[in-house]
Amino acid sequence: GERCIVGDGIVPTAGAAPPPVVWPDRRPIGMLFLCQTTPGGDANPRGWLSKEEGIDVRSPAGIEHLRVRMRAYVQRSLGVLTSIHAQGAIIVDLEGLEHGGGYYHADPRRLSTLAPEMEGISDEILSTLRGAGLRVGVAVAPQVDGDEDSQAQDLAESMAYAKQRWGTTLALMLGTPSHPQQFPGRLIGLAAMAHRDVLLISMGAYRDSSESFVPMRDPDKEGWTEDQTHPHGGFSAIYVVDRALRQPERVRAALAAGDIALVRGWFEDPGVQLIRGWTHDP
């Protein structure tokens, strides 16, 4: 079919059958959230880290303090992730939470505009994680209106930017205020086809299945069983929090069948402890 070049990937716009995801590594992936404070105010408008960290980005000294505290955050996260033999980490809120309207921005291309204080710090964070042997990723989402092909191209461009700047090989697709839900599977699949060396996980809703990206799966949904066959013989990602923690044996069976666990990777979360226990089982 017709094709257009997008960064280092190619988005097919007609007549292409999506190939299945080829990703033999099924070890856990850590979800890292940098914003743990309610955004707002002059000192920390994007909500970086916890209130106790005393973040104030209004001066060079304050930004340097943010860098130091982010370094500590990354080192804590590395301790958690290496303890469960994680394959990588995805930073969900690299652009901060200001003006997010209850959603993450999920557009790394706008980092310098949305969170200028993170320009250099983001490079250091992701470089440190990669230097420790982890795959890295960020959140992405379509930022344009229009048809599926246009949105897929925009999504692929965002993935290409992150890959070129930080060497990302993981991506988490989220909803945004203008595109909160019901992404067509074909849209996500087209972007995934442009970057076949990136594992694209869709956390947003989608109307149809595709074998070219990895969907989230909810252990509480009706029909979710230990022996459920995945569409196209693919696999899913399970966020091991809340509902999943109440059904550990079902989660363990899904992981044994090939699903990937997503955990909150910056502290001793119950999901981390659960996965670590299974990892260390004889």
Protein backbone atom coordinates (compact mmCIF):
# COMPACT_ATOMS: atom_id res chain seq x y z
CA GLY A 1 0.00 0.00 0.00
CA GLU A 2 0.88 3.67 0.01
CA ARG A 3 3.48 4.54 2.62
CA CYS A 4 4.87 7.68 4.19
CA ILE A 5 8.19 8.03 5.95
CA VAL A 6 7.98 9.00 9.61
CA GLY A 7 11.29 9.54 11.40
CA ASP A 8 13.08 6.22 11.20
CA GLY A 9 9.82 4.29 10.78
CA ILE A 10 7.31 3.73 8.02
CA VAL A 11 3.57 4.07 8.53
CA PRO A 12 1.60 2.04 6.00
CA THR A 13 -1.59 3.84 5.02
CA ALA A 14 -3.33 1.17 2.99
CA GLY A 15 -3.39 -2.54 2.40
CA ALA A 16 -0.85 -3.64 5.00
CA ALA A 17 -1.53 -6.53 7.36
CA PRO A 18 -0.07 -5.83 10.81
CA PRO A 19 2.65 -8.30 11.79
CA PRO A 20 2.51 -9.87 15.24
CA VAL A 21 4.59 -8.50 18.08
CA VAL A 22 7.91 -10.32 18.33
CA TRP A 23 9.13 -9.76 21.88
CA PRO A 24 10.61 -12.84 23.56
CA ASP A 25 11.49 -11.00 26.79
CA ARG A 26 8.52 -11.27 29.13
CA ARG A 27 10.18 -9.99 32.30
CA PRO A 28 8.41 -7.24 34.28
CA ILE A 29 8.41 -3.57 33.29
CA GLY A 30 8.47 -0.78 35.87
CA MET A 31 6.08 2.15 35.63
CA LEU A 32 7.76 5.31 36.95
CA PHE A 33 5.72 8.36 37.96
CA LEU A 34 7.79 11.49 38.58
CA CYS A 35 4.87 13.64 39.74
CA GLN A 36 3.52 12.80 43.19
CA THR A 37 2.42 16.26 44.31
CA THR A 38 -0.77 18.05 43.30
CA PRO A 39 0.29 20.41 40.51
CA GLY A 40 -0.19 24.12 40.90
CA GLY A 41 1.40 27.08 42.59
CA ASP A 42 4.48 28.99 41.55
CA ALA A 43 7.17 26.81 43.10
CA ASN A 44 6.28 23.40 41.69
CA PRO A 45 3.56 23.94 39.07
CA ARG A 46 4.03 20.53 37.45
CA GLY A 47 3.96 18.53 40.68
CA TRP A 48 7.42 16.93 40.66
CA LEU A 49 8.15 14.34 43.34
CA SER A 50 6.58 14.47 46.79
CA LYS A 51 5.73 17.57 48.78
CA GLU A 52 8.43 16.67 51.29
CA GLU A 53 11.13 17.12 48.64
CA GLY A 54 10.58 20.89 48.68
CA ILE A 55 10.80 21.32 44.91
CA ASP A 56 10.96 24.92 43.65
CA VAL A 57 11.80 25.38 39.96
CA ARG A 58 11.80 29.18 39.94
CA SER A 59 15.59 29.52 40.12
CA PRO A 60 18.71 27.74 38.79
CA ALA A 61 19.45 26.58 42.33
CA GLY A 62 15.95 25.15 42.59
CA ILE A 63 16.31 23.30 39.29
CA GLU A 64 19.64 21.87 40.45
CA HIS A 65 17.91 20.67 43.63
CA LEU A 66 15.29 18.99 41.42
CA ARG A 67 18.10 17.28 39.49
CA VAL A 68 19.67 15.98 42.70
CA ARG A 69 16.36 14.65 44.01
CA MET A 70 15.56 13.04 40.65
CA ARG A 71 18.93 11.28 40.80
CA ALA A 72 17.95 9.83 44.18
CA TYR A 73 14.56 8.79 42.78
CA VAL A 74 16.24 6.97 39.89
CA GLN A 75 18.66 5.16 42.20
CA ARG A 76 15.79 3.98 44.41
CA SER A 77 13.93 2.83 41.31
CA LEU A 78 16.96 0.93 40.04
CA GLY A 79 17.16 -0.94 43.32
CA VAL A 80 13.51 -1.97 43.04
CA LEU A 81 13.67 -2.90 39.36
CA THR A 82 16.85 -4.92 39.56
CA SER A 83 15.41 -6.87 42.51
CA ILE A 84 12.68 -8.24 40.24
CA HIS A 85 14.95 -8.64 37.20
CA ALA A 86 12.89 -6.08 35.26
CA GLN A 87 13.59 -5.67 31.57
CA GLY A 88 12.90 -1.96 31.56
CA ALA A 89 11.08 1.12 32.81
CA ILE A 90 8.51 3.50 31.33
CA ILE A 91 8.29 7.10 32.55
CA VAL A 92 4.62 7.98 32.35
CA ASP A 93 4.65 11.69 33.21
CA LEU A 94 7.92 13.08 31.83
CA GLU A 95 6.21 16.37 30.86
CA GLY A 96 4.67 16.93 34.31
CA LEU A 97 1.01 17.36 35.21
CA GLU A 98 0.41 21.09 34.77
CA HIS A 99 -2.45 21.81 32.34
CA GLY A 100 -3.02 18.08 31.91
CA GLY A 101 -6.74 18.31 32.54
CA GLY A 102 -6.65 15.06 34.49
CA TYR A 103 -4.58 13.35 31.78
CA TYR A 104 -0.89 12.93 31.15
CA HIS A 105 0.46 14.99 28.25
CA ALA A 106 2.13 11.97 26.62
CA ASP A 107 4.00 14.09 24.06
CA PRO A 108 7.78 14.05 24.56
CA ARG A 109 8.21 16.41 21.60
CA ARG A 110 6.76 19.25 23.71
CA LEU A 111 8.98 18.67 26.76
CA SER A 112 10.88 21.96 26.40
CA THR A 113 7.58 23.87 26.32
CA LEU A 114 5.63 21.92 28.92
CA ALA A 115 8.47 21.41 31.41
CA PRO A 116 11.59 23.39 30.49
CA GLU A 117 13.30 22.54 33.79
CA MET A 118 13.30 18.87 32.73
CA GLU A 119 15.18 19.40 29.46
CA GLY A 120 18.57 18.32 30.75
CA ILE A 121 17.29 16.27 33.68
CA SER A 122 15.26 13.98 31.43
CA ASP A 123 18.36 13.12 29.41
CA GLU A 124 20.21 12.19 32.59
CA ILE A 125 17.35 10.12 33.99
CA LEU A 126 16.88 8.02 30.88
CA SER A 127 20.61 7.69 30.28
CA THR A 128 21.10 6.40 33.83
CA LEU A 129 18.36 3.82 33.44
CA ARG A 130 19.78 2.64 30.11
CA GLY A 131 23.29 2.59 31.56
CA ALA A 132 22.06 0.15 34.21
CA GLY A 133 21.02 -2.24 31.43
CA LEU A 134 17.31 -1.42 31.34
CA ARG A 135 15.17 -0.72 28.32
CA VAL A 136 13.48 2.66 28.62
CA GLY A 137 10.24 4.16 27.40
CA VAL A 138 7.90 7.12 27.72
CA ALA A 139 4.18 7.74 27.31
CA VAL A 140 2.83 8.74 23.91
CA ALA A 141 -0.59 9.62 22.49
CA PRO A 142 -2.04 11.07 19.28
CA GLN A 143 -2.06 14.85 19.54
CA VAL A 144 -3.93 15.68 16.32
CA ASP A 145 -7.46 15.37 15.06
CA GLY A 146 -8.23 13.78 11.73
CA ASP A 147 -8.40 10.33 10.25
CA GLU A 148 -6.70 7.24 11.61
CA ASP A 149 -3.74 7.54 9.27
CA SER A 150 -3.01 11.11 10.39
CA GLN A 151 -3.24 10.17 14.04
CA ALA A 152 -1.05 7.11 13.49
CA GLN A 153 1.55 9.26 11.78
CA ASP A 154 1.56 11.71 14.68
CA LEU A 155 1.90 8.86 17.17
CA ALA A 156 4.76 7.35 15.19
CA GLU A 157 6.51 10.73 15.02
CA SER A 158 6.33 11.00 18.81
CA MET A 159 7.80 7.50 19.14
CA ALA A 160 10.55 8.39 16.64
CA TYR A 161 11.47 11.51 18.63
CA ALA A 162 11.79 9.53 21.88
CA LYS A 163 13.79 6.81 20.16
CA GLN A 164 16.23 9.26 18.61
CA ARG A 165 16.70 11.35 21.76
CA TRP A 166 16.69 8.71 24.49
CA GLY A 167 17.06 5.36 22.77
CA THR A 168 13.58 4.23 23.83
CA THR A 169 12.43 0.73 22.95
CA LEU A 170 9.27 0.80 25.08
CA ALA A 171 6.21 3.04 24.70
CA LEU A 172 2.96 3.40 26.63
CA MET A 173 -0.01 4.75 24.71
CA LEU A 174 -2.43 6.80 26.80
CA GLY A 175 -5.58 8.81 26.33
CA THR A 176 -5.48 12.62 26.28
CA PRO A 177 -8.15 15.29 26.92
CA SER A 178 -8.91 15.55 23.19
CA HIS A 179 -8.61 11.79 22.61
CA PRO A 180 -9.64 10.19 25.91
CA GLN A 181 -10.74 6.75 24.78
CA GLN A 182 -11.85 4.39 22.03
CA PHE A 183 -8.71 4.33 19.93
CA PRO A 184 -9.13 2.07 16.91
CA GLY A 185 -6.81 -0.90 17.07
CA ARG A 186 -5.78 -0.15 13.49
CA LEU A 187 -4.50 3.30 14.48
CA ILE A 188 -2.29 1.88 17.22
CA GLY A 189 -1.20 -0.97 14.99
CA LEU A 190 -0.05 1.37 12.21
CA ALA A 191 2.17 3.30 14.62
CA ALA A 192 3.54 0.07 16.04
CA MET A 193 4.37 -1.15 12.54
CA ALA A 194 6.49 1.97 12.02
CA HIS A 195 8.66 1.01 14.99
CA ARG A 196 8.88 -2.74 15.13
CA ASP A 197 11.82 -2.57 17.53
CA VAL A 198 9.63 -0.78 20.11
CA LEU A 199 7.19 -2.60 22.39
CA LEU A 200 4.02 -0.48 22.24
CA ILE A 201 1.61 -1.08 25.13
CA SER A 202 -1.85 0.46 24.84
CA MET A 203 -3.31 1.65 28.14
CA GLY A 204 -6.13 3.50 26.39
CA ALA A 205 -9.33 1.85 25.26
CA TYR A 206 -9.46 0.48 21.73
CA ARG A 207 -12.36 -0.67 19.62
CA ASP A 208 -10.82 -3.66 17.93
CA SER A 209 -7.89 -5.97 18.49
CA SER A 210 -4.58 -5.96 16.72
CA GLU A 211 -1.63 -8.27 17.02
CA SER A 212 0.93 -5.51 16.42
CA PHE A 213 0.71 -3.90 19.88
CA VAL A 214 0.28 -5.17 23.43
CA PRO A 215 -3.05 -4.37 25.12
CA MET A 216 -3.64 -3.93 28.81
CA ARG A 217 -5.76 -6.65 30.40
CA ASP A 218 -7.95 -6.28 33.47
CA PRO A 219 -8.10 -9.35 35.74
CA ASP A 220 -11.49 -8.25 37.06
CA LYS A 221 -13.26 -8.18 33.72
CA GLU A 222 -15.78 -10.89 33.04
CA GLY A 223 -14.37 -13.67 30.90
CA TRP A 224 -10.79 -13.15 32.00
CA THR A 225 -9.68 -16.69 32.80
CA GLU A 226 -6.40 -18.47 33.33
CA ASP A 227 -6.65 -20.36 30.07
CA GLN A 228 -8.05 -17.54 27.94
CA THR A 229 -6.63 -17.53 24.44
CA HIS A 230 -5.26 -14.16 23.37
CA PRO A 231 -6.41 -12.72 20.06
CA HIS A 232 -4.00 -13.71 17.29
CA GLY A 233 -2.02 -15.77 19.80
CA GLY A 234 -0.49 -12.58 21.22
CA PHE A 235 0.12 -11.51 24.79
CA SER A 236 -0.98 -8.75 27.13
CA ALA A 237 0.38 -6.51 29.87
CA ILE A 238 -1.10 -6.67 33.37
CA TYR A 239 -0.74 -3.71 35.72
CA VAL A 240 -0.20 -5.48 39.03
CA VAL A 241 -2.03 -3.08 41.34
CA ASP A 242 -5.40 -2.95 43.09
CA ARG A 243 -7.68 -5.53 41.44
CA ALA A 244 -4.84 -7.67 40.19
CA LEU A 245 -3.39 -7.92 43.69
CA ARG A 246 -6.66 -9.43 44.90
CA GLN A 247 -6.33 -12.26 42.38
CA PRO A 248 -2.66 -13.23 42.58
CA GLU A 249 -3.06 -16.79 41.32
CA ARG A 250 -4.90 -15.65 38.20
CA VAL A 251 -2.19 -13.10 37.55
CA ARG A 252 0.52 -15.69 38.09
CA ALA A 253 -1.15 -18.04 35.64
CA ALA A 254 -1.35 -15.27 33.04
CA LEU A 255 2.32 -14.43 33.48
CA ALA A 256 3.22 -18.10 33.18
CA ALA A 257 1.28 -18.15 29.90
CA GLY A 258 3.36 -15.26 28.53
CA ASP A 259 1.85 -12.00 29.74
CA ILE A 260 4.07 -9.18 31.02
CA ALA A 261 3.68 -7.64 34.48
CA LEU A 262 3.70 -3.87 34.86
CA VAL A 263 4.55 -2.69 38.39
CA ARG A 264 4.96 0.60 40.18
CA GLY A 265 8.71 0.57 40.15
CA TRP A 266 9.93 3.40 42.36
CA PHE A 267 9.11 1.99 45.82
CA GLU A 268 8.34 -1.23 47.65
CA ASP A 269 4.86 -1.56 46.20
CA PRO A 270 2.83 -4.70 46.98
CA GLY A 271 2.93 -5.57 43.28
CA VAL A 272 6.72 -5.48 43.36
CA GLN A 273 6.77 -7.70 46.43
CA LEU A 274 4.41 -10.17 44.79
CA ILE A 275 6.49 -10.42 41.62
CA ARG A 276 9.73 -10.65 43.60
CA GLY A 277 8.34 -13.58 45.57
CA TRP A 278 7.51 -15.46 42.38
CA THR A 279 10.87 -14.55 40.83
CA HIS A 280 12.71 -16.07 43.76
CA ASP A 281 10.58 -19.19 44.02
CA PRO A 282 12.60 -22.37 43.36
